[in-house]
N, C-alpha and C. Protein backbone atom coordinates (compact mmCIF):
# COMPACT_ATOMS: atom_id res chain seq x y z
N MET A 1 105.13 127.74 66.70
CA MET A 1 104.38 127.90 67.93
C MET A 1 103.82 129.40 67.92
N ALA A 2 102.40 129.35 68.01
CA ALA A 2 101.72 130.76 67.83
C ALA A 2 101.89 131.49 69.13
N LEU A 3 102.11 132.73 68.95
CA LEU A 3 102.08 133.61 70.29
C LEU A 3 100.85 134.17 70.40
N PHE A 4 100.17 133.86 71.66
CA PHE A 4 98.81 134.41 72.02
C PHE A 4 99.00 135.65 72.76
N LEU A 5 98.40 136.65 72.30
CA LEU A 5 98.47 137.99 72.91
C LEU A 5 96.82 138.34 73.03
N ALA A 6 96.39 138.78 74.18
CA ALA A 6 95.02 139.24 74.28
C ALA A 6 95.01 140.68 73.66
N PRO A 7 93.97 140.83 72.82
CA PRO A 7 93.94 142.05 72.22
C PRO A 7 93.68 143.27 73.15
N LYS A 8 94.27 144.51 72.83
CA LYS A 8 93.95 145.57 73.64
C LYS A 8 92.64 146.17 73.45
N THR A 9 92.04 146.07 72.23
CA THR A 9 90.87 146.51 72.13
C THR A 9 89.82 145.35 71.43
N ILE A 10 88.58 145.60 71.56
CA ILE A 10 87.69 144.70 70.99
C ILE A 10 86.42 145.51 70.49
N THR A 11 85.71 144.90 69.65
CA THR A 11 84.55 145.39 69.02
C THR A 11 83.35 145.16 69.84
N HIS A 12 82.72 146.18 70.33
CA HIS A 12 81.54 146.19 71.13
C HIS A 12 80.33 146.95 70.56
N GLU A 13 79.39 146.35 70.14
CA GLU A 13 78.28 147.22 69.62
C GLU A 13 78.60 148.03 68.52
N LYS A 14 79.46 147.49 67.63
CA LYS A 14 80.00 148.23 66.41
C LYS A 14 81.01 149.22 66.71
N GLN A 15 81.48 149.25 67.86
CA GLN A 15 82.48 150.37 68.18
C GLN A 15 83.74 149.65 68.80
N ILE A 16 84.80 150.21 68.45
CA ILE A 16 86.10 149.64 69.07
C ILE A 16 86.43 150.23 70.33
N VAL A 17 86.48 149.38 71.48
CA VAL A 17 86.65 149.88 72.89
C VAL A 17 87.76 149.02 73.49
N SER A 18 88.24 149.59 74.57
CA SER A 18 89.43 148.78 75.30
C SER A 18 88.70 147.58 75.72
N ASN A 19 89.73 146.48 75.82
CA ASN A 19 89.29 145.09 76.22
C ASN A 19 89.46 145.13 77.76
N PRO A 20 88.47 144.88 78.48
CA PRO A 20 88.35 145.02 79.96
C PRO A 20 89.39 143.78 80.53
N ASP A 21 89.48 142.66 79.75
CA ASP A 21 90.28 141.50 80.23
C ASP A 21 91.72 141.77 79.96
N TYR A 22 92.17 142.79 79.16
CA TYR A 22 93.54 142.97 78.64
C TYR A 22 94.43 143.27 79.90
N ARG A 23 94.06 144.10 80.78
CA ARG A 23 94.87 144.45 81.98
C ARG A 23 95.12 143.24 82.79
N LYS A 24 94.04 142.53 83.15
CA LYS A 24 94.18 141.19 83.99
C LYS A 24 95.08 140.40 83.25
N TRP A 25 94.94 139.99 81.83
CA TRP A 25 95.82 139.18 81.10
C TRP A 25 97.23 139.58 81.16
N LEU A 26 97.35 140.91 80.99
CA LEU A 26 98.78 141.55 81.12
C LEU A 26 99.52 141.18 82.40
N HIS A 27 98.78 141.37 83.46
CA HIS A 27 99.17 141.08 84.84
C HIS A 27 99.51 139.72 84.93
N GLN A 28 98.56 138.79 84.76
CA GLN A 28 98.83 137.36 84.79
C GLN A 28 100.00 136.99 84.00
N ASP A 29 100.15 137.41 82.98
CA ASP A 29 101.28 137.04 81.99
C ASP A 29 102.58 137.49 82.51
N ALA A 30 102.54 138.63 83.16
CA ALA A 30 103.77 139.10 83.67
C ALA A 30 104.18 138.20 84.96
N LEU A 31 103.15 137.85 85.73
CA LEU A 31 103.48 137.06 86.92
C LEU A 31 104.09 135.72 86.43
N ILE A 32 103.51 135.11 85.34
CA ILE A 32 104.04 133.84 84.90
C ILE A 32 105.38 133.98 84.30
N ARG A 33 105.64 135.02 83.52
CA ARG A 33 106.89 135.19 82.87
C ARG A 33 108.12 135.51 84.07
N HIS A 34 107.73 136.03 85.10
CA HIS A 34 108.60 136.26 86.16
C HIS A 34 108.87 135.05 86.92
N ALA A 35 107.94 134.07 87.09
CA ALA A 35 108.05 132.90 87.56
C ALA A 35 108.92 132.11 86.76
N ILE A 36 108.86 132.10 85.51
CA ILE A 36 109.78 131.27 84.61
C ILE A 36 111.19 131.89 84.81
N LEU A 37 111.24 133.22 84.79
CA LEU A 37 112.63 133.75 85.06
C LEU A 37 113.31 133.49 86.31
N SER A 38 112.53 133.51 87.33
CA SER A 38 113.05 133.28 88.64
C SER A 38 113.29 131.95 88.86
N SER A 39 112.62 130.90 88.19
CA SER A 39 113.01 129.54 88.39
C SER A 39 114.02 128.96 87.36
N SER A 40 114.49 129.98 86.56
CA SER A 40 115.63 129.62 85.69
C SER A 40 117.02 129.80 86.20
N THR A 41 118.07 129.03 85.68
CA THR A 41 119.30 129.19 86.20
C THR A 41 119.88 130.49 85.79
N PHE A 42 121.09 130.77 86.42
CA PHE A 42 121.75 132.09 86.05
C PHE A 42 122.19 131.99 84.73
N ALA A 43 122.62 130.96 84.09
CA ALA A 43 123.09 130.85 82.79
C ALA A 43 121.84 131.14 81.84
N ILE A 44 120.64 130.76 81.97
CA ILE A 44 119.55 130.90 81.13
C ILE A 44 118.95 132.26 81.30
N GLN A 45 118.89 132.83 82.39
CA GLN A 45 118.32 134.18 82.66
C GLN A 45 118.63 135.24 81.59
N PRO A 46 119.82 135.45 81.21
CA PRO A 46 120.20 136.52 80.26
C PRO A 46 119.38 136.45 78.89
N SER A 47 119.19 135.10 78.43
CA SER A 47 118.41 134.90 77.06
C SER A 47 116.93 135.41 77.31
N LEU A 48 116.45 135.37 78.47
CA LEU A 48 115.04 135.63 78.71
C LEU A 48 114.89 137.18 78.98
N ASN A 49 115.72 137.83 79.37
CA ASN A 49 115.69 139.27 79.63
C ASN A 49 115.19 139.90 78.38
N GLY A 50 114.44 141.10 78.62
CA GLY A 50 113.87 141.86 77.60
C GLY A 50 112.66 141.22 76.86
N LEU A 51 112.25 139.99 77.07
CA LEU A 51 111.08 139.41 76.53
C LEU A 51 109.83 139.98 77.21
N THR A 52 108.83 140.22 76.45
CA THR A 52 107.65 140.92 77.24
C THR A 52 106.40 140.08 77.45
N THR A 53 106.49 138.89 76.87
CA THR A 53 105.39 137.82 77.14
C THR A 53 105.88 136.53 77.53
N THR A 54 104.99 135.81 78.16
CA THR A 54 105.31 134.45 78.59
C THR A 54 105.52 133.58 77.35
N ALA A 55 104.52 133.76 76.41
CA ALA A 55 104.69 133.06 75.06
C ALA A 55 106.24 133.20 74.44
N GLN A 56 106.65 134.59 74.59
CA GLN A 56 107.95 134.71 73.95
C GLN A 56 109.05 133.99 74.67
N ALA A 57 108.87 133.94 75.95
CA ALA A 57 109.86 133.24 76.85
C ALA A 57 109.76 131.79 76.64
N TRP A 58 108.68 131.23 76.52
CA TRP A 58 108.47 129.76 76.28
C TRP A 58 109.17 129.44 74.84
N LYS A 59 108.80 130.39 73.92
CA LYS A 59 109.41 130.14 72.45
C LYS A 59 111.03 130.20 72.63
N LYS A 60 111.43 131.22 73.23
CA LYS A 60 112.78 131.17 73.40
C LYS A 60 113.53 129.86 74.02
N LEU A 61 112.93 129.58 75.12
CA LEU A 61 113.33 128.33 75.67
C LEU A 61 113.41 127.13 74.88
N ASN A 62 112.27 127.05 74.23
CA ASN A 62 112.05 125.94 73.21
C ASN A 62 113.11 125.82 72.13
N GLU A 63 113.37 127.14 71.62
CA GLU A 63 114.32 127.10 70.50
C GLU A 63 115.85 126.90 70.97
N THR A 64 116.12 127.34 72.28
CA THR A 64 117.31 127.20 72.79
C THR A 64 117.64 125.75 73.26
N TYR A 65 116.70 125.18 73.85
CA TYR A 65 116.98 123.87 74.66
C TYR A 65 116.15 122.63 74.12
N ALA A 66 115.28 122.63 73.00
CA ALA A 66 114.56 121.60 72.68
C ALA A 66 115.60 120.43 72.13
N ASN A 67 116.63 120.76 71.45
CA ASN A 67 117.50 119.69 70.89
C ASN A 67 118.16 118.99 72.05
N ARG A 68 118.70 119.80 72.93
CA ARG A 68 119.39 119.20 74.10
C ARG A 68 118.37 118.44 74.87
N SER A 69 117.16 118.88 74.96
CA SER A 69 116.20 118.02 75.66
C SER A 69 116.11 116.45 75.09
N ARG A 70 116.05 116.48 73.79
CA ARG A 70 115.88 115.32 72.96
C ARG A 70 117.18 114.53 73.18
N THR A 71 118.34 115.07 73.21
CA THR A 71 119.54 114.45 73.39
C THR A 71 119.52 113.85 74.79
N ARG A 72 119.06 114.66 75.76
CA ARG A 72 119.09 114.28 77.11
C ARG A 72 118.12 113.03 77.36
N TYR A 73 117.04 113.08 76.72
CA TYR A 73 116.15 111.96 76.74
C TYR A 73 116.57 110.64 76.30
N LEU A 74 117.20 110.63 75.12
CA LEU A 74 117.89 109.61 74.45
C LEU A 74 118.99 108.94 75.34
N THR A 75 119.78 109.92 75.83
CA THR A 75 120.94 109.51 76.71
C THR A 75 120.43 108.67 78.02
N LEU A 76 119.33 109.35 78.60
CA LEU A 76 118.81 108.70 79.92
C LEU A 76 118.11 107.35 79.55
N ARG A 77 117.46 107.34 78.41
CA ARG A 77 117.05 105.99 78.00
C ARG A 77 118.05 104.87 77.87
N ASP A 78 119.21 105.27 77.12
CA ASP A 78 120.27 104.40 76.95
C ASP A 78 120.80 103.96 78.28
N VAL A 79 121.09 104.96 79.21
CA VAL A 79 121.70 104.48 80.50
C VAL A 79 120.65 103.78 81.29
N LEU A 80 119.32 103.95 81.25
CA LEU A 80 118.39 103.01 81.89
C LEU A 80 118.42 101.68 81.25
N SER A 81 118.46 101.66 80.00
CA SER A 81 118.41 100.30 79.30
C SER A 81 119.79 99.36 79.68
N ASN A 82 120.81 100.06 80.07
CA ASN A 82 122.21 99.36 80.32
C ASN A 82 122.35 99.18 81.76
N ILE A 83 121.54 99.65 82.69
CA ILE A 83 121.61 99.38 84.19
C ILE A 83 121.63 97.91 84.27
N SER A 84 122.53 97.39 85.12
CA SER A 84 122.53 96.07 85.38
C SER A 84 122.79 95.87 86.98
N LYS A 85 122.26 94.77 87.66
CA LYS A 85 122.54 94.51 88.97
C LYS A 85 123.95 93.96 89.20
N LYS A 86 124.48 93.41 88.20
CA LYS A 86 125.93 92.90 88.40
C LYS A 86 126.94 93.75 89.18
N GLY A 87 127.15 93.24 90.31
CA GLY A 87 128.16 94.01 91.26
C GLY A 87 127.54 94.81 92.25
N LYS A 88 126.19 95.08 92.24
CA LYS A 88 125.60 96.04 92.96
C LYS A 88 124.65 95.26 93.97
N SER A 89 124.38 95.98 95.14
CA SER A 89 123.29 95.43 96.07
C SER A 89 122.04 95.73 95.49
N VAL A 90 121.02 95.08 96.08
CA VAL A 90 119.63 95.29 95.64
C VAL A 90 119.30 96.73 95.73
N SER A 91 119.58 97.32 96.96
CA SER A 91 119.35 98.71 97.20
C SER A 91 119.92 99.60 96.15
N GLU A 92 121.28 99.41 95.85
CA GLU A 92 122.00 100.27 94.75
C GLU A 92 121.33 100.14 93.41
N TYR A 93 121.02 98.94 93.08
CA TYR A 93 120.50 98.53 91.84
C TYR A 93 119.11 99.32 91.68
N MET A 94 118.22 99.08 92.65
CA MET A 94 116.95 99.76 92.77
C MET A 94 117.14 101.31 92.64
N GLN A 95 118.00 101.77 93.34
CA GLN A 95 118.14 103.32 93.42
C GLN A 95 118.65 103.74 92.16
N ALA A 96 119.54 103.15 91.47
CA ALA A 96 119.92 103.48 90.09
C ALA A 96 118.75 103.58 88.94
N ILE A 97 117.88 102.50 89.12
CA ILE A 97 116.79 102.45 88.19
C ILE A 97 115.88 103.60 88.48
N LYS A 98 115.54 103.85 89.84
CA LYS A 98 114.54 104.83 90.15
C LYS A 98 115.12 106.20 89.82
N THR A 99 116.45 106.47 89.96
CA THR A 99 117.10 107.72 89.63
C THR A 99 116.85 108.11 88.03
N MET A 100 117.10 107.07 87.21
CA MET A 100 116.75 107.27 85.86
C MET A 100 115.34 107.56 85.49
N ALA A 101 114.53 106.87 86.13
CA ALA A 101 113.13 106.91 85.99
C ALA A 101 112.61 108.44 86.46
N ASN A 102 113.13 108.81 87.53
CA ASN A 102 112.95 110.15 88.06
C ASN A 102 113.45 111.22 87.05
N ASP A 103 114.77 111.12 86.47
CA ASP A 103 115.24 112.03 85.63
C ASP A 103 114.45 112.04 84.30
N LEU A 104 113.87 110.95 83.90
CA LEU A 104 113.14 110.92 82.70
C LEU A 104 111.84 111.65 82.97
N ALA A 105 111.31 111.55 84.16
CA ALA A 105 109.95 112.20 84.54
C ALA A 105 110.19 113.67 84.66
N LEU A 106 111.44 114.16 85.06
CA LEU A 106 111.71 115.54 85.16
C LEU A 106 111.68 116.17 83.87
N ILE A 107 112.09 115.53 82.84
CA ILE A 107 112.16 116.15 81.52
C ILE A 107 110.91 115.77 80.59
N GLY A 108 109.92 115.32 81.26
CA GLY A 108 108.60 115.04 80.59
C GLY A 108 108.49 113.78 79.94
N HIS A 109 109.10 112.72 80.42
CA HIS A 109 109.01 111.47 79.76
C HIS A 109 108.87 110.49 80.92
N PRO A 110 107.80 110.55 81.72
CA PRO A 110 107.66 109.68 82.80
C PRO A 110 107.45 108.21 82.24
N LEU A 111 107.90 107.19 83.12
CA LEU A 111 107.63 105.84 82.67
C LEU A 111 106.42 105.28 83.57
N ILE A 112 105.57 104.54 83.15
CA ILE A 112 104.65 103.88 83.90
C ILE A 112 105.35 102.80 84.75
N GLU A 113 104.69 102.41 85.84
CA GLU A 113 105.31 101.55 86.85
C GLU A 113 105.78 100.12 86.07
N ASP A 114 104.82 99.68 85.15
CA ASP A 114 105.03 98.43 84.51
C ASP A 114 106.38 98.46 83.86
N LYS A 115 106.74 99.62 83.09
CA LYS A 115 107.89 99.88 82.23
C LYS A 115 109.16 99.81 83.30
N ILE A 116 108.95 100.38 84.41
CA ILE A 116 110.04 100.49 85.54
C ILE A 116 110.44 98.96 85.92
N VAL A 117 109.29 98.27 86.14
CA VAL A 117 109.52 96.89 86.64
C VAL A 117 110.12 96.10 85.42
N HIS A 118 109.86 96.36 84.21
CA HIS A 118 110.48 95.74 83.14
C HIS A 118 111.96 95.96 83.02
N HIS A 119 112.39 97.29 83.19
CA HIS A 119 113.85 97.60 83.18
C HIS A 119 114.60 96.97 84.39
N VAL A 120 113.82 96.80 85.64
CA VAL A 120 114.50 96.12 86.56
C VAL A 120 114.81 94.58 86.34
N LEU A 121 113.75 94.03 85.75
CA LEU A 121 113.78 92.63 85.32
C LEU A 121 114.91 92.40 84.33
N ARG A 122 115.02 93.27 83.30
CA ARG A 122 115.95 93.28 82.27
C ARG A 122 117.44 93.20 82.78
N GLY A 123 117.65 93.85 83.96
CA GLY A 123 119.03 94.06 84.39
C GLY A 123 119.42 93.00 85.35
N LEU A 124 118.49 92.03 85.75
CA LEU A 124 118.83 91.19 86.73
C LEU A 124 119.77 90.11 86.40
N THR A 125 120.66 89.59 87.28
CA THR A 125 121.62 88.57 87.02
C THR A 125 121.00 87.36 87.04
N SER A 126 121.58 86.22 86.61
CA SER A 126 121.04 84.84 86.65
C SER A 126 120.59 84.40 87.99
N GLU A 127 121.05 84.70 89.05
CA GLU A 127 120.69 84.27 90.36
C GLU A 127 119.28 84.81 90.65
N PHE A 128 118.77 85.73 89.87
CA PHE A 128 117.40 86.10 90.03
C PHE A 128 116.36 85.62 89.01
N LYS A 129 116.87 84.67 88.25
CA LYS A 129 116.02 84.10 87.04
C LYS A 129 114.55 83.56 87.40
N GLU A 130 114.48 82.86 88.64
CA GLU A 130 113.26 82.25 89.12
C GLU A 130 112.33 83.41 89.36
N ILE A 131 112.72 84.43 90.16
CA ILE A 131 111.93 85.58 90.45
C ILE A 131 111.48 86.34 89.21
N SER A 132 112.32 86.47 88.32
CA SER A 132 112.19 87.17 86.99
C SER A 132 111.09 86.44 86.27
N ALA A 133 111.25 85.26 86.09
CA ALA A 133 110.21 84.37 85.36
C ALA A 133 108.82 84.46 86.07
N GLY A 134 108.88 84.39 87.37
CA GLY A 134 107.44 84.33 88.01
C GLY A 134 106.83 85.74 87.87
N ILE A 135 107.62 86.67 87.95
CA ILE A 135 106.82 88.09 87.71
C ILE A 135 106.48 88.30 86.28
N ARG A 136 107.28 87.79 85.32
CA ARG A 136 106.90 87.89 83.90
C ARG A 136 105.62 86.98 83.65
N ALA A 137 105.39 86.01 84.50
CA ALA A 137 104.25 85.11 84.17
C ALA A 137 103.04 85.49 84.81
N LEU A 138 103.23 86.71 85.76
CA LEU A 138 101.96 87.24 86.35
C LEU A 138 100.83 87.73 85.27
N PHE A 139 99.59 87.42 85.48
CA PHE A 139 98.64 87.92 84.58
C PHE A 139 98.51 89.42 84.73
N LEU A 140 98.41 89.94 85.73
CA LEU A 140 98.28 91.33 85.99
C LEU A 140 99.52 92.07 86.24
N ALA A 141 99.66 93.30 85.86
CA ALA A 141 100.94 94.04 86.28
C ALA A 141 101.12 94.13 87.63
N ILE A 142 102.31 94.10 88.16
CA ILE A 142 102.80 94.16 89.61
C ILE A 142 103.25 95.64 89.76
N SER A 143 102.72 96.12 90.87
CA SER A 143 103.03 97.56 91.20
C SER A 143 104.48 97.62 91.66
N LEU A 144 105.20 98.67 91.49
CA LEU A 144 106.57 98.84 91.70
C LEU A 144 106.89 98.78 93.26
N ILE A 145 106.00 99.09 94.18
CA ILE A 145 106.16 99.01 95.53
C ILE A 145 106.19 97.59 96.06
N VAL A 146 105.19 96.80 95.35
CA VAL A 146 105.05 95.39 95.79
C VAL A 146 106.50 94.67 95.22
N PHE A 147 106.71 95.07 94.00
CA PHE A 147 107.92 94.40 93.44
C PHE A 147 109.13 94.69 94.34
N GLN A 148 109.24 96.03 94.69
CA GLN A 148 110.49 96.29 95.55
C GLN A 148 110.47 95.44 96.82
N LEU A 149 109.38 95.36 97.43
CA LEU A 149 109.21 94.53 98.64
C LEU A 149 109.69 93.09 98.30
N LEU A 150 109.17 92.48 97.20
CA LEU A 150 109.31 91.22 97.06
C LEU A 150 110.92 91.04 96.61
N PHE A 151 111.35 91.95 95.87
CA PHE A 151 112.80 91.87 95.38
C PHE A 151 113.65 91.88 96.61
N PHE A 152 113.35 92.81 97.45
CA PHE A 152 114.27 92.85 98.77
C PHE A 152 114.06 91.57 99.64
N HIS A 153 112.80 91.11 99.58
CA HIS A 153 112.52 89.99 100.24
C HIS A 153 113.29 88.74 99.79
N ILE A 154 113.30 88.50 98.57
CA ILE A 154 114.06 87.34 98.01
C ILE A 154 115.52 87.52 98.08
N SER A 155 115.98 88.70 98.05
CA SER A 155 117.50 88.78 98.17
C SER A 155 118.03 88.86 99.47
N LEU A 156 117.35 88.79 100.46
CA LEU A 156 117.81 88.60 101.97
C LEU A 156 118.29 87.31 102.23
N PRO A 157 119.32 86.94 102.99
CA PRO A 157 119.73 85.69 103.44
C PRO A 157 118.59 85.11 104.03
N LEU A 158 118.28 83.79 104.03
CA LEU A 158 117.22 83.17 104.66
C LEU A 158 117.13 83.21 106.09
N LYS A 159 118.22 83.31 106.84
CA LYS A 159 118.43 83.52 108.25
C LYS A 159 117.74 84.90 108.76
N ASN A 160 117.71 85.95 107.83
CA ASN A 160 117.39 87.24 108.27
C ASN A 160 115.97 87.68 107.95
N TYR A 161 115.01 86.88 107.50
CA TYR A 161 113.66 87.29 107.23
C TYR A 161 112.74 86.22 107.59
N SER A 162 111.50 86.61 107.91
CA SER A 162 110.47 85.79 108.20
C SER A 162 109.27 86.01 107.01
N PRO A 163 109.18 85.10 106.15
CA PRO A 163 108.33 85.55 105.00
C PRO A 163 106.83 85.44 105.23
N PHE A 164 106.03 86.39 104.85
CA PHE A 164 104.52 86.42 105.00
C PHE A 164 104.14 86.82 103.63
N LEU A 165 104.50 86.16 102.52
CA LEU A 165 104.36 86.60 101.28
C LEU A 165 103.94 85.39 100.42
N GLN A 166 102.73 85.69 99.87
CA GLN A 166 102.30 84.51 98.97
C GLN A 166 102.26 85.08 97.51
N ILE A 167 102.72 84.12 96.65
CA ILE A 167 102.79 84.54 95.24
C ILE A 167 102.20 83.30 94.41
N THR A 168 101.35 83.55 93.57
CA THR A 168 100.84 82.53 92.63
C THR A 168 100.88 83.19 91.13
N PRO A 169 100.67 82.54 90.08
CA PRO A 169 100.74 83.23 88.79
C PRO A 169 100.00 84.45 88.70
N ASN A 170 98.74 84.55 89.41
CA ASN A 170 97.87 85.54 89.10
C ASN A 170 97.57 86.30 90.47
N TYR A 171 98.30 86.05 91.54
CA TYR A 171 97.97 86.75 92.70
C TYR A 171 99.17 86.95 93.48
N VAL A 172 99.37 88.20 94.10
CA VAL A 172 100.35 88.57 95.02
C VAL A 172 99.87 89.11 96.22
N SER A 173 100.01 88.41 97.40
CA SER A 173 99.63 88.92 98.83
C SER A 173 100.68 89.31 99.64
N LEU A 174 100.74 90.46 99.97
CA LEU A 174 101.71 91.02 101.12
C LEU A 174 100.99 91.34 102.28
N ASP A 175 100.64 90.43 103.18
CA ASP A 175 100.00 90.68 104.39
C ASP A 175 101.03 91.34 105.33
N ALA A 176 102.20 90.96 105.33
CA ALA A 176 103.10 91.45 106.29
C ALA A 176 104.52 91.22 105.75
N PHE A 177 105.32 92.09 106.03
CA PHE A 177 106.76 91.95 105.61
C PHE A 177 107.71 92.37 106.86
N VAL A 178 108.25 91.24 107.50
CA VAL A 178 108.95 91.41 108.68
C VAL A 178 110.49 91.15 108.52
N ILE A 179 111.44 91.97 108.71
CA ILE A 179 112.81 91.74 108.70
C ILE A 179 113.07 91.38 110.06
N LEU A 180 113.94 90.19 110.39
CA LEU A 180 114.32 89.91 111.75
C LEU A 180 115.80 90.02 111.77
N GLY A 181 116.37 90.33 112.94
CA GLY A 181 117.76 90.45 113.06
C GLY A 181 118.25 91.79 113.20
């Protein structure tokens, strides 16, 4: 990682002069460095004390935590891959998937909606095989919000809902979703 520092001096008309942008750069760099320091945990702050540039702070953070980030990423992916609906309510299951997806996004590895839907489908039990097959057969990707509504809709006991949902292999219409009771 190259450290970028604005030069204190520049050559202007064959003479070395003070760089007018240096003070501005120095001020902006200090603001960013302080933002990094203030948003760091108390355990991290001592390792950043004494650094004079933002680039040095980023380099120190990268050297110290990059390996842990890779381990965290792999762990979160493994946990996400192993989440199953077995023994969970639909709400608990969806929350577990969304929590892992959010945690991955927080460390810089966001999942597209299609991948999240894929993980949800992978963890479903056999009681949801028809809905899983139907969604997998869709020509276009289904958005996560439509999938959640559909999933909650399917999982409700028949006496508790009034369906206004049309599904064909290439079309999902959600005109209204009304829960009765």
